[in-house]
N, C-alpha and C. Protein backbone atom coordinates (compact mmCIF):
# COMPACT_ATOMS: atom_id res chain seq x y z
N MET A 1 1.94 22.28 24.07
CA MET A 1 2.07 21.55 25.31
C MET A 1 2.80 20.25 25.02
N HIS A 2 3.69 19.89 25.91
CA HIS A 2 4.47 18.66 25.79
C HIS A 2 4.00 17.71 26.90
N THR A 3 3.81 16.46 26.57
CA THR A 3 3.44 15.45 27.56
C THR A 3 4.55 14.43 27.64
N ALA A 4 4.97 14.11 28.87
CA ALA A 4 6.02 13.12 29.08
C ALA A 4 5.85 12.47 30.43
N PHE A 5 6.35 11.24 30.56
CA PHE A 5 6.36 10.58 31.86
C PHE A 5 7.41 11.28 32.71
N PHE A 6 7.00 11.72 33.91
CA PHE A 6 7.92 12.37 34.83
C PHE A 6 7.48 12.04 36.25
N GLY A 7 8.38 11.45 37.01
CA GLY A 7 8.07 11.10 38.39
C GLY A 7 7.28 9.81 38.45
N ASP A 8 5.97 9.94 38.54
CA ASP A 8 5.14 8.76 38.74
C ASP A 8 4.05 8.58 37.69
N ARG A 9 3.98 9.52 36.70
CA ARG A 9 2.94 9.40 35.68
C ARG A 9 3.21 10.38 34.54
N GLU A 10 2.39 10.28 33.49
CA GLU A 10 2.45 11.23 32.40
C GLU A 10 2.04 12.60 32.92
N ARG A 11 2.79 13.63 32.52
CA ARG A 11 2.49 14.99 32.97
C ARG A 11 2.56 15.95 31.80
N ALA A 12 1.83 17.05 31.91
CA ALA A 12 1.82 18.09 30.88
C ALA A 12 2.86 19.15 31.23
N PHE A 13 3.58 19.62 30.22
CA PHE A 13 4.58 20.67 30.35
C PHE A 13 4.29 21.75 29.32
N ALA A 14 4.37 23.00 29.73
CA ALA A 14 4.20 24.11 28.79
C ALA A 14 4.89 25.34 29.35
N LEU A 15 5.73 25.96 28.56
CA LEU A 15 6.31 27.25 28.95
C LEU A 15 5.39 28.31 28.37
N THR A 16 4.57 28.86 29.23
CA THR A 16 3.57 29.84 28.81
C THR A 16 4.12 31.25 29.03
N PRO A 17 3.49 32.25 28.44
CA PRO A 17 3.95 33.63 28.67
C PRO A 17 3.99 34.01 30.15
N LEU A 18 3.19 33.36 30.97
CA LEU A 18 3.18 33.67 32.40
C LEU A 18 4.41 33.16 33.14
N VAL A 19 5.02 32.06 32.68
CA VAL A 19 6.17 31.49 33.40
C VAL A 19 7.51 31.81 32.76
N ILE A 20 7.52 32.27 31.52
CA ILE A 20 8.79 32.59 30.86
C ILE A 20 9.58 33.65 31.62
N PRO A 21 8.96 34.73 32.11
CA PRO A 21 9.75 35.70 32.88
C PRO A 21 10.42 35.08 34.12
N GLU A 22 9.76 34.15 34.76
CA GLU A 22 10.35 33.49 35.93
C GLU A 22 11.53 32.62 35.50
N LEU A 23 11.43 31.92 34.37
CA LEU A 23 12.54 31.13 33.86
C LEU A 23 13.73 32.03 33.57
N GLN A 24 13.48 33.16 32.95
CA GLN A 24 14.55 34.10 32.64
C GLN A 24 15.18 34.66 33.92
N ARG A 25 14.35 34.95 34.92
CA ARG A 25 14.86 35.50 36.18
C ARG A 25 15.70 34.46 36.92
N THR A 26 15.21 33.23 37.02
CA THR A 26 15.92 32.22 37.81
C THR A 26 17.18 31.70 37.14
N THR A 27 17.27 31.83 35.81
CA THR A 27 18.47 31.37 35.11
C THR A 27 19.38 32.52 34.69
N ALA A 28 18.90 33.75 34.87
CA ALA A 28 19.66 34.96 34.48
C ALA A 28 20.00 34.95 32.99
N LYS A 29 19.11 34.40 32.18
CA LYS A 29 19.27 34.37 30.73
C LYS A 29 17.93 34.64 30.07
N GLY A 30 17.99 35.25 28.90
CA GLY A 30 16.78 35.41 28.12
C GLY A 30 16.35 34.09 27.49
N ILE A 31 15.07 33.99 27.16
CA ILE A 31 14.55 32.74 26.60
C ILE A 31 15.26 32.38 25.30
N GLY A 32 15.57 33.38 24.49
CA GLY A 32 16.29 33.12 23.24
C GLY A 32 17.66 32.54 23.49
N ALA A 33 18.36 33.05 24.51
CA ALA A 33 19.69 32.53 24.84
C ALA A 33 19.61 31.10 25.35
N ILE A 34 18.57 30.79 26.13
CA ILE A 34 18.40 29.42 26.62
C ILE A 34 18.15 28.48 25.45
N ILE A 35 17.25 28.87 24.56
CA ILE A 35 16.94 28.03 23.41
C ILE A 35 18.16 27.90 22.50
N ASP A 36 18.91 28.98 22.33
CA ASP A 36 20.10 28.96 21.48
C ASP A 36 21.15 27.98 22.00
N SER A 37 21.19 27.77 23.30
CA SER A 37 22.21 26.89 23.88
C SER A 37 21.63 25.56 24.37
N LEU A 38 20.64 25.03 23.66
CA LEU A 38 19.96 23.82 24.11
C LEU A 38 20.91 22.67 24.47
N ARG A 39 21.90 22.45 23.67
CA ARG A 39 22.80 21.31 23.92
C ARG A 39 23.73 21.56 25.10
N ARG A 40 23.83 22.80 25.53
CA ARG A 40 24.75 23.15 26.61
C ARG A 40 24.00 23.66 27.85
N LEU A 41 22.78 23.24 28.06
CA LEU A 41 21.99 23.72 29.19
C LEU A 41 22.71 23.44 30.51
N THR A 42 22.66 24.41 31.41
CA THR A 42 23.21 24.20 32.75
C THR A 42 22.18 23.44 33.58
N TYR A 43 22.63 22.94 34.72
CA TYR A 43 21.73 22.22 35.60
C TYR A 43 20.55 23.11 36.01
N ALA A 44 20.82 24.37 36.34
CA ALA A 44 19.74 25.29 36.73
C ALA A 44 18.76 25.50 35.58
N GLU A 45 19.26 25.63 34.36
CA GLU A 45 18.37 25.81 33.22
C GLU A 45 17.51 24.57 33.00
N ILE A 46 18.10 23.40 33.18
CA ILE A 46 17.35 22.14 33.02
C ILE A 46 16.26 22.05 34.07
N THR A 47 16.63 22.21 35.35
CA THR A 47 15.65 22.03 36.42
C THR A 47 14.58 23.11 36.40
N GLU A 48 14.97 24.35 36.10
CA GLU A 48 13.98 25.43 36.07
C GLU A 48 13.04 25.28 34.87
N THR A 49 13.56 24.83 33.74
CA THR A 49 12.70 24.59 32.58
C THR A 49 11.67 23.52 32.89
N ILE A 50 12.10 22.44 33.51
CA ILE A 50 11.17 21.36 33.87
C ILE A 50 10.17 21.85 34.91
N ARG A 51 10.65 22.51 35.95
CA ARG A 51 9.76 22.98 37.02
C ARG A 51 8.70 23.94 36.46
N LEU A 52 9.15 24.92 35.70
CA LEU A 52 8.20 25.90 35.17
C LEU A 52 7.37 25.32 34.03
N GLY A 53 7.90 24.34 33.32
CA GLY A 53 7.09 23.63 32.33
C GLY A 53 5.94 22.89 33.00
N LEU A 54 6.21 22.28 34.16
CA LEU A 54 5.15 21.63 34.92
C LEU A 54 4.11 22.65 35.36
N VAL A 55 4.56 23.79 35.88
CA VAL A 55 3.63 24.84 36.32
C VAL A 55 2.77 25.30 35.14
N GLY A 56 3.42 25.57 34.01
CA GLY A 56 2.68 25.99 32.82
C GLY A 56 1.72 24.92 32.32
N GLY A 57 2.04 23.66 32.59
CA GLY A 57 1.18 22.55 32.19
C GLY A 57 0.07 22.26 33.18
N GLY A 58 0.02 23.01 34.29
CA GLY A 58 -1.09 22.85 35.22
C GLY A 58 -0.75 22.30 36.60
N THR A 59 0.51 21.95 36.84
CA THR A 59 0.90 21.45 38.16
C THR A 59 1.06 22.63 39.12
N GLN A 60 0.63 22.47 40.35
CA GLN A 60 0.79 23.51 41.35
C GLN A 60 2.28 23.76 41.60
N PRO A 61 2.69 25.01 41.82
CA PRO A 61 4.12 25.33 41.98
C PRO A 61 4.84 24.51 43.05
N GLY A 62 4.25 24.31 44.20
CA GLY A 62 4.90 23.52 45.25
C GLY A 62 5.10 22.07 44.84
N GLU A 63 4.10 21.51 44.18
CA GLU A 63 4.22 20.12 43.71
C GLU A 63 5.28 20.03 42.61
N ALA A 64 5.32 21.01 41.72
CA ALA A 64 6.32 21.02 40.65
C ALA A 64 7.73 21.05 41.24
N ALA A 65 7.96 21.91 42.24
CA ALA A 65 9.28 21.99 42.87
C ALA A 65 9.64 20.67 43.55
N ALA A 66 8.67 20.05 44.21
CA ALA A 66 8.92 18.78 44.88
C ALA A 66 9.24 17.68 43.87
N LEU A 67 8.51 17.64 42.77
CA LEU A 67 8.77 16.64 41.73
C LEU A 67 10.17 16.78 41.16
N VAL A 68 10.56 18.02 40.86
CA VAL A 68 11.88 18.25 40.28
C VAL A 68 12.98 17.88 41.28
N SER A 69 12.83 18.30 42.53
CA SER A 69 13.88 18.00 43.52
C SER A 69 13.95 16.52 43.86
N THR A 70 12.86 15.79 43.67
CA THR A 70 12.85 14.36 43.95
C THR A 70 13.35 13.54 42.77
N TYR A 71 12.84 13.84 41.57
CA TYR A 71 13.07 12.95 40.44
C TYR A 71 14.24 13.32 39.53
N VAL A 72 14.60 14.58 39.41
CA VAL A 72 15.73 14.92 38.54
C VAL A 72 17.04 14.34 39.07
N PRO A 73 17.38 14.53 40.35
CA PRO A 73 18.65 13.97 40.83
C PRO A 73 18.68 12.44 40.88
N ALA A 74 17.50 11.81 40.89
CA ALA A 74 17.42 10.36 41.01
C ALA A 74 17.62 9.62 39.69
N ARG A 75 17.62 10.34 38.59
CA ARG A 75 17.74 9.74 37.26
C ARG A 75 18.97 10.29 36.55
N PRO A 76 19.40 9.65 35.47
CA PRO A 76 20.52 10.21 34.71
C PRO A 76 20.20 11.61 34.22
N LEU A 77 21.16 12.52 34.31
CA LEU A 77 20.94 13.91 33.93
C LEU A 77 20.55 14.04 32.46
N GLY A 78 21.01 13.12 31.63
CA GLY A 78 20.65 13.16 30.21
C GLY A 78 19.14 13.08 30.00
N GLU A 79 18.44 12.32 30.84
CA GLU A 79 16.98 12.23 30.71
C GLU A 79 16.33 13.59 30.97
N ALA A 80 16.79 14.27 32.01
CA ALA A 80 16.24 15.59 32.33
C ALA A 80 16.60 16.59 31.23
N ASN A 81 17.80 16.49 30.69
CA ASN A 81 18.23 17.38 29.62
C ASN A 81 17.34 17.20 28.39
N ILE A 82 17.05 15.98 28.03
CA ILE A 82 16.18 15.72 26.87
C ILE A 82 14.79 16.27 27.12
N LEU A 83 14.26 16.08 28.33
CA LEU A 83 12.94 16.61 28.66
C LEU A 83 12.93 18.14 28.55
N ALA A 84 13.94 18.79 29.09
CA ALA A 84 14.02 20.25 29.01
C ALA A 84 14.10 20.70 27.56
N ILE A 85 14.88 20.01 26.75
CA ILE A 85 14.98 20.35 25.33
C ILE A 85 13.63 20.19 24.65
N ASP A 86 12.91 19.11 24.96
CA ASP A 86 11.58 18.90 24.37
C ASP A 86 10.62 20.02 24.75
N ILE A 87 10.65 20.44 26.01
CA ILE A 87 9.76 21.51 26.48
C ILE A 87 10.09 22.81 25.75
N LEU A 88 11.37 23.13 25.65
CA LEU A 88 11.79 24.36 24.96
C LEU A 88 11.51 24.29 23.47
N THR A 89 11.66 23.12 22.86
CA THR A 89 11.38 22.97 21.44
C THR A 89 9.91 23.22 21.16
N ASP A 90 9.02 22.70 22.02
CA ASP A 90 7.59 22.96 21.84
C ASP A 90 7.28 24.45 21.94
N LEU A 91 7.98 25.16 22.81
CA LEU A 91 7.79 26.61 22.91
C LEU A 91 8.24 27.29 21.62
N TRP A 92 9.38 26.88 21.09
CA TRP A 92 9.99 27.56 19.95
C TRP A 92 9.29 27.26 18.63
N VAL A 93 8.98 25.99 18.37
CA VAL A 93 8.42 25.61 17.07
C VAL A 93 6.99 25.09 17.15
N GLY A 94 6.47 24.95 18.34
CA GLY A 94 5.13 24.39 18.53
C GLY A 94 5.21 22.90 18.72
N PRO A 95 4.16 22.33 19.29
CA PRO A 95 4.17 20.89 19.54
C PRO A 95 4.21 20.10 18.23
N VAL A 96 4.86 18.97 18.28
CA VAL A 96 4.93 18.08 17.13
C VAL A 96 3.55 17.47 16.93
N ALA A 97 3.05 17.55 15.70
CA ALA A 97 1.75 16.96 15.39
C ALA A 97 1.82 15.45 15.54
N GLU A 98 0.77 14.89 16.10
CA GLU A 98 0.75 13.44 16.24
C GLU A 98 0.62 12.81 14.88
N GLU A 99 1.27 11.66 14.74
CA GLU A 99 1.24 10.94 13.48
C GLU A 99 -0.18 10.45 13.19
N VAL A 100 -0.62 10.68 11.97
CA VAL A 100 -1.94 10.22 11.55
C VAL A 100 -1.80 8.84 10.96
N LYS A 101 -2.59 7.90 11.46
CA LYS A 101 -2.52 6.54 10.96
C LYS A 101 -3.64 6.33 9.94
N ASP A 102 -3.26 5.73 8.82
CA ASP A 102 -4.26 5.41 7.80
C ASP A 102 -4.87 4.06 8.13
N ASP A 103 -6.17 3.99 8.06
CA ASP A 103 -6.88 2.72 8.29
C ASP A 103 -7.26 2.13 6.94
N PHE A 104 -6.42 1.22 6.46
CA PHE A 104 -6.71 0.55 5.20
C PHE A 104 -6.89 -0.90 5.41
C-alpha cells in the first residue's frame, strides 16, 4: 500500500487483484505493459492508476473518480505521474520499508 497526500489529505493507494483487471480494461493495456512504460504513461494510464489505486486503498469508487477529476487537472501533470509511478512500483516490488531510526 502506498500513502500520499492527494486532494485534501493523506490517502491510501493500492492496486489490488480486484482492481487490476479494471485498470487493464480502461487503459487497453496489460499491467506488465503499463509498468514497463512507467516513464511514458499516458494521461489515461495516470488517471486510471490513481483512481483505481484509491479504490484499492479503500476509497469509494465515486469519491475516487471525483478526487481524480478535481485534483489531477488542477496540479502539474508531473505530480500525478510521480504518484502513478509510486503506486505501480509498490505493486511491482512491494512497498518501500520505512527507515528504521536508531535511538542512541
